[in-house]
Amino acid sequence: MTDSLSRTVTEAISRAPAWIRSDLQAKDILVRIRAEESLAARIVDAILKARGAEATIADDDQN
């Protein structure tokens, strides 16, 4: 994993709301799955936003 990607994922995890953190430890499998899916979606969103920002910077550099 590149430093940039690692940083993006780490930041997304660190910004996870308390309910996700709590539900990741739940004994109820459905609650835990919901939290895992929510966290995964947040990570994907952060990666896509970071890539979009990188693409914008690269486009600016080429002009």
C-alpha atoms as a PDB file:
ATOM      1  CA  MET A   1       0.000   0.000   0.000  1.00  0.00           C
ATOM      2  CA  THR A   2       1.378   3.399  -0.867  1.00  0.00           C
ATOM      3  CA  ASP A   3       1.893   5.979   1.845  1.00  0.00           C
ATOM      4  CA  SER A   4      -0.861   8.116   0.376  1.00  0.00           C
ATOM      5  CA  LEU A   5      -3.370   5.264   0.297  1.00  0.00           C
ATOM      6  CA  SER A   6      -2.387   4.108   3.756  1.00  0.00           C
ATOM      7  CA  ARG A   7      -2.833   7.635   5.103  1.00  0.00           C
ATOM      8  CA  THR A   8      -6.237   7.961   3.422  1.00  0.00           C
ATOM      9  CA  VAL A   9      -7.484   4.674   4.875  1.00  0.00           C
ATOM     10  CA  THR A  10      -6.101   5.458   8.325  1.00  0.00           C
ATOM     11  CA  GLU A  11      -7.781   8.866   8.338  1.00  0.00           C
ATOM     12  CA  ALA A  12     -11.103   7.365   7.238  1.00  0.00           C
ATOM     13  CA  ILE A  13     -10.944   4.834  10.060  1.00  0.00           C
ATOM     14  CA  SER A  14      -9.951   7.435  12.625  1.00  0.00           C
ATOM     15  CA  ARG A  15     -12.948   9.588  11.630  1.00  0.00           C
ATOM     16  CA  ALA A  16     -15.412   6.715  12.041  1.00  0.00           C
ATOM     17  CA  PRO A  17     -18.256   7.702  14.336  1.00  0.00           C
ATOM     18  CA  ALA A  18     -18.666   6.147  17.760  1.00  0.00           C
ATOM     19  CA  TRP A  19     -21.614   3.992  16.691  1.00  0.00           C
ATOM     20  CA  ILE A  20     -19.471   2.226  14.085  1.00  0.00           C
ATOM     21  CA  ARG A  21     -16.680   1.639  16.584  1.00  0.00           C
ATOM     22  CA  SER A  22     -19.146   0.300  19.115  1.00  0.00           C
ATOM     23  CA  ASP A  23     -21.056  -1.851  16.643  1.00  0.00           C
ATOM     24  CA  LEU A  24     -17.848  -3.434  15.333  1.00  0.00           C
ATOM     25  CA  GLN A  25     -17.578  -5.063  18.762  1.00  0.00           C
ATOM     26  CA  ALA A  26     -21.216  -6.148  18.936  1.00  0.00           C
ATOM     27  CA  LYS A  27     -22.114  -9.754  19.607  1.00  0.00           C
ATOM     28  CA  ASP A  28     -25.067  -9.477  17.225  1.00  0.00           C
ATOM     29  CA  ILE A  29     -23.719 -10.492  13.818  1.00  0.00           C
ATOM     30  CA  LEU A  30     -26.175  -8.297  11.903  1.00  0.00           C
ATOM     31  CA  VAL A  31     -25.155  -5.225  13.875  1.00  0.00           C
ATOM     32  CA  ARG A  32     -21.494  -6.030  13.286  1.00  0.00           C
ATOM     33  CA  ILE A  33     -22.048  -6.569   9.553  1.00  0.00           C
ATOM     34  CA  ARG A  34     -23.834  -3.221   9.283  1.00  0.00           C
ATOM     35  CA  ALA A  35     -20.896  -1.508  10.974  1.00  0.00           C
ATOM     36  CA  GLU A  36     -18.364  -3.291   8.758  1.00  0.00           C
ATOM     37  CA  GLU A  37     -20.256  -2.323   5.614  1.00  0.00           C
ATOM     38  CA  SER A  38     -20.579   1.272   6.767  1.00  0.00           C
ATOM     39  CA  LEU A  39     -16.879   1.503   7.541  1.00  0.00           C
ATOM     40  CA  ALA A  40     -15.997  -0.073   4.196  1.00  0.00           C
ATOM     41  CA  ALA A  41     -18.189   2.474   2.408  1.00  0.00           C
ATOM     42  CA  ARG A  42     -16.479   5.321   4.257  1.00  0.00           C
ATOM     43  CA  ILE A  43     -13.060   3.978   3.292  1.00  0.00           C
ATOM     44  CA  VAL A  44     -14.040   3.602  -0.370  1.00  0.00           C
ATOM     45  CA  ASP A  45     -15.472   7.122  -0.381  1.00  0.00           C
ATOM     46  CA  ALA A  46     -12.274   8.529   1.121  1.00  0.00           C
ATOM     47  CA  ILE A  47     -10.140   6.707  -1.456  1.00  0.00           C
ATOM     48  CA  LEU A  48     -12.267   7.919  -4.357  1.00  0.00           C
ATOM     49  CA  LYS A  49     -12.161  11.488  -3.079  1.00  0.00           C
ATOM     50  CA  ALA A  50      -8.393  11.295  -2.631  1.00  0.00           C
ATOM     51  CA  ARG A  51      -7.943   9.923  -6.143  1.00  0.00           C
ATOM     52  CA  GLY A  52     -10.170  12.658  -7.513  1.00  0.00           C
ATOM     53  CA  ALA A  53      -8.071  15.267  -5.755  1.00  0.00           C
ATOM     54  CA  GLU A  54      -4.879  13.687  -7.092  1.00  0.00           C
ATOM     55  CA  ALA A  55      -6.308  13.661 -10.617  1.00  0.00           C
ATOM     56  CA  THR A  56      -7.239  17.332 -10.316  1.00  0.00           C
ATOM     57  CA  ILE A  57      -3.733  18.205  -9.145  1.00  0.00           C
ATOM     58  CA  ALA A  58      -2.193  16.179 -11.981  1.00  0.00           C
ATOM     59  CA  ASP A  59      -4.438  17.924 -14.521  1.00  0.00           C
ATOM     60  CA  ASP A  60      -3.408  21.310 -13.151  1.00  0.00           C
ATOM     61  CA  ASP A  61       0.260  20.359 -13.379  1.00  0.00           C
ATOM     62  CA  GLN A  62      -0.106  19.417 -17.046  1.00  0.00           C
ATOM     63  CA  ASN A  63      -1.672  22.752 -17.998  1.00  0.00           C
END
